[in-house]
Amino acid sequence: MDKRLRKYDIKLFDLDEGANRFDYRLEQDFFDGFGTMEFEKAGIDATVNITKHGQLMEVDLHTRGSVELLDDRTAEPYMQPLSGSLRTVLRFGHEYNDENDDLILIPFDMPVFNVAQLLYESVLLSIPMKHLDPKQSHREGEADIKPGYVDPRWKELKKLLNDKNT
């Protein structure tokens, strides 16, 4: 693991019973630790709430901020606001297992859990599939379409279809 991500280690045995809160600021160097990214200039505030119940810990992550993306239509950079959350449960077991998104098993001999991967996933999941600058009008060249409007070309095609069936 990239040593820049070590600051996201949480000592599980040091957690108090009940609520524990950790606040982080995720800048571009955090994401660079995961390799090539589709965005630049990240600025994300993250909160990790861990509620400990004996050997079971509920983890709630919340992220809010923005990243710079390239607009899919104009190829111009813009700042995309993001907001995301992720929830999982940590439980001590005999061996590490993160195959289930809702439950991560942690071995008893692993006293530290690194939340960097969960933070990374929370941010990636909040990025929209289409990168469209909300400040840009992407309807250039399109007519304003009113509710109930039917393109006259469809009317003509429907006539042809009806004529053929009679």
Protein backbone atom coordinates (compact mmCIF):
# COMPACT_ATOMS: atom_id res chain seq x y z
CA MET A 1 0.00 0.00 0.00
CA ASP A 2 1.17 3.50 -0.83
CA LYS A 3 2.58 5.06 2.35
CA ARG A 4 0.57 8.25 1.67
CA LEU A 5 -2.51 6.20 2.53
CA ARG A 6 -1.24 5.11 5.97
CA LYS A 7 -2.89 8.15 7.59
CA TYR A 8 -6.23 6.43 6.91
CA ASP A 9 -5.34 3.55 9.26
CA ILE A 10 -7.74 3.14 12.17
CA LYS A 11 -6.64 1.16 15.21
CA LEU A 12 -9.69 -0.98 15.84
CA PHE A 13 -8.75 -2.06 19.37
CA ASP A 14 -8.33 1.61 20.39
CA LEU A 15 -11.90 2.51 19.43
CA ASP A 16 -14.32 3.38 22.21
CA GLU A 17 -17.55 1.42 22.53
CA GLY A 18 -20.23 3.39 20.72
CA ALA A 19 -19.62 6.25 18.31
CA ASN A 20 -16.18 7.18 16.91
CA ARG A 21 -15.71 9.90 14.29
CA PHE A 22 -12.83 10.56 11.88
CA ASP A 23 -12.67 13.55 9.50
CA TYR A 24 -10.45 13.65 6.42
CA ARG A 25 -9.72 16.01 3.55
CA LEU A 26 -9.15 14.09 0.30
CA GLU A 27 -7.04 16.05 -2.17
CA GLN A 28 -5.61 14.93 -5.49
CA ASP A 29 -2.59 13.25 -3.83
CA PHE A 30 -4.98 10.82 -2.09
CA PHE A 31 -6.38 9.67 -5.45
CA ASP A 32 -2.92 9.58 -7.05
CA GLY A 33 -2.13 6.80 -4.56
CA PHE A 34 -4.63 4.62 -6.44
CA GLY A 35 -3.14 5.19 -9.91
CA THR A 36 -4.46 7.00 -12.95
CA MET A 37 -7.73 8.83 -12.41
CA GLU A 38 -10.32 10.29 -14.79
CA PHE A 39 -10.31 13.54 -12.84
CA GLU A 40 -7.99 16.15 -11.39
CA LYS A 41 -8.13 18.86 -8.73
CA ALA A 42 -10.07 16.84 -6.18
CA GLY A 43 -11.27 18.48 -3.00
CA ILE A 44 -13.44 16.17 -0.92
CA ASP A 45 -14.38 16.36 2.76
CA ALA A 46 -14.94 12.90 4.22
CA THR A 47 -16.41 11.76 7.50
CA VAL A 48 -16.04 8.21 8.77
CA ASN A 49 -18.33 7.23 11.63
CA ILE A 50 -17.59 3.90 13.28
CA THR A 51 -20.01 2.62 15.87
CA LYS A 52 -18.40 -0.18 17.87
CA HIS A 53 -20.52 -2.93 19.40
CA GLY A 54 -18.01 -5.41 20.85
CA GLN A 55 -16.50 -7.34 17.94
CA LEU A 56 -18.86 -5.74 15.43
CA MET A 57 -18.38 -2.24 13.99
CA GLU A 58 -20.80 -0.30 11.79
CA VAL A 59 -18.99 1.99 9.34
CA ASP A 60 -20.75 4.98 7.73
CA LEU A 61 -18.78 7.10 5.26
CA HIS A 62 -19.99 10.40 3.89
CA THR A 63 -18.17 12.40 1.23
CA ARG A 64 -18.88 15.87 -0.17
CA GLY A 65 -16.83 18.07 -2.45
CA SER A 66 -15.87 18.37 -6.11
CA VAL A 67 -13.50 17.07 -8.76
CA GLU A 68 -12.47 18.48 -12.11
CA LEU A 69 -13.79 16.46 -15.06
CA LEU A 70 -13.80 16.98 -18.81
CA ASP A 71 -17.20 17.71 -20.29
CA ASP A 72 -18.17 14.83 -22.62
CA ARG A 73 -19.48 17.17 -25.30
CA THR A 74 -17.15 20.15 -25.18
CA ALA A 75 -13.99 18.53 -23.73
CA GLU A 76 -13.69 21.59 -21.49
CA PRO A 77 -12.78 21.10 -17.83
CA TYR A 78 -15.41 21.85 -15.20
CA MET A 79 -15.86 21.28 -11.48
CA GLN A 80 -18.33 18.49 -10.74
CA PRO A 81 -19.95 18.65 -7.29
CA LEU A 82 -20.09 15.25 -5.59
CA SER A 83 -21.86 13.81 -2.60
CA GLY A 84 -21.75 10.17 -1.60
CA SER A 85 -22.07 7.70 1.19
CA LEU A 86 -21.15 4.12 1.83
CA ARG A 87 -22.11 1.78 4.63
CA THR A 88 -20.55 -1.51 5.70
CA VAL A 89 -20.02 -3.62 8.78
CA LEU A 90 -16.66 -4.81 10.12
CA ARG A 91 -16.56 -7.99 12.17
CA PHE A 92 -13.67 -9.91 13.63
CA GLY A 93 -13.21 -13.43 12.26
CA HIS A 94 -10.50 -15.96 11.49
CA GLU A 95 -9.36 -14.54 8.15
CA TYR A 96 -9.78 -11.38 6.07
CA ASN A 97 -12.73 -11.47 3.67
CA ASP A 98 -14.17 -8.48 1.79
CA GLU A 99 -16.14 -10.40 -0.86
CA ASN A 100 -19.43 -9.09 0.53
CA ASP A 101 -19.93 -5.30 0.18
CA ASP A 102 -22.05 -5.18 3.33
CA LEU A 103 -19.71 -7.14 5.62
CA ILE A 104 -15.92 -7.19 5.90
CA LEU A 105 -14.33 -9.85 8.08
CA ILE A 106 -11.13 -8.78 9.86
CA PRO A 107 -8.74 -11.28 11.48
CA PHE A 108 -8.16 -10.87 15.21
CA ASP A 109 -4.43 -10.40 14.55
CA MET A 110 -5.12 -7.39 12.29
CA PRO A 111 -5.48 -4.52 14.76
CA VAL A 112 -5.53 -1.81 12.05
CA PHE A 113 -8.09 -1.24 9.32
CA ASN A 114 -7.34 1.20 6.52
CA VAL A 115 -10.44 3.10 5.31
CA ALA A 116 -8.73 4.56 2.21
CA GLN A 117 -10.23 1.98 -0.18
CA LEU A 118 -13.74 2.60 1.17
CA LEU A 119 -13.29 6.39 0.82
CA TYR A 120 -11.98 5.94 -2.72
CA GLU A 121 -14.95 3.75 -3.69
CA SER A 122 -17.44 6.16 -2.14
CA VAL A 123 -16.09 9.03 -4.25
CA LEU A 124 -15.91 6.98 -7.47
CA LEU A 125 -19.48 5.79 -7.03
CA SER A 126 -20.69 9.39 -6.71
CA ILE A 127 -19.23 10.48 -10.08
CA PRO A 128 -21.98 10.58 -12.73
CA MET A 129 -21.61 8.35 -15.80
CA LYS A 130 -22.09 11.31 -18.14
CA HIS A 131 -19.75 14.21 -17.55
CA LEU A 132 -21.81 17.27 -18.43
CA ASP A 133 -21.03 20.68 -17.01
CA PRO A 134 -24.23 21.76 -15.23
CA LYS A 135 -23.45 25.41 -16.09
CA GLN A 136 -23.39 24.70 -19.85
CA SER A 137 -26.45 24.48 -22.03
CA HIS A 138 -26.15 21.17 -23.85
CA ARG A 139 -29.29 21.75 -25.85
CA GLU A 140 -27.65 23.93 -28.48
CA GLY A 141 -29.31 23.39 -31.84
CA GLU A 142 -32.27 21.60 -30.27
CA ALA A 143 -35.77 23.08 -30.35
CA ASP A 144 -37.50 23.61 -27.04
CA ILE A 145 -39.87 20.66 -26.81
CA LYS A 146 -43.20 21.26 -25.13
CA PRO A 147 -45.13 18.53 -23.29
CA GLY A 148 -47.49 16.67 -25.61
CA TYR A 149 -45.54 17.69 -28.72
CA VAL A 150 -45.40 15.03 -31.44
CA ASP A 151 -42.89 15.42 -34.25
CA PRO A 152 -44.85 15.71 -37.56
CA ARG A 153 -42.55 13.12 -39.14
CA TRP A 154 -43.87 10.50 -36.69
CA LYS A 155 -47.44 11.38 -37.68
CA GLU A 156 -46.61 10.72 -41.33
CA LEU A 157 -44.89 7.43 -40.52
CA LYS A 158 -47.87 6.35 -38.44
CA LYS A 159 -50.16 7.07 -41.41
CA LEU A 160 -48.01 4.82 -43.61
CA LEU A 161 -48.15 2.06 -41.02
CA ASN A 162 -51.93 2.38 -40.68
CA ASP A 163 -52.41 2.41 -44.49
CA LYS A 164 -50.33 -0.77 -44.80
CA ASN A 165 -52.39 -2.61 -42.14
CA THR A 166 -55.79 -1.80 -43.73
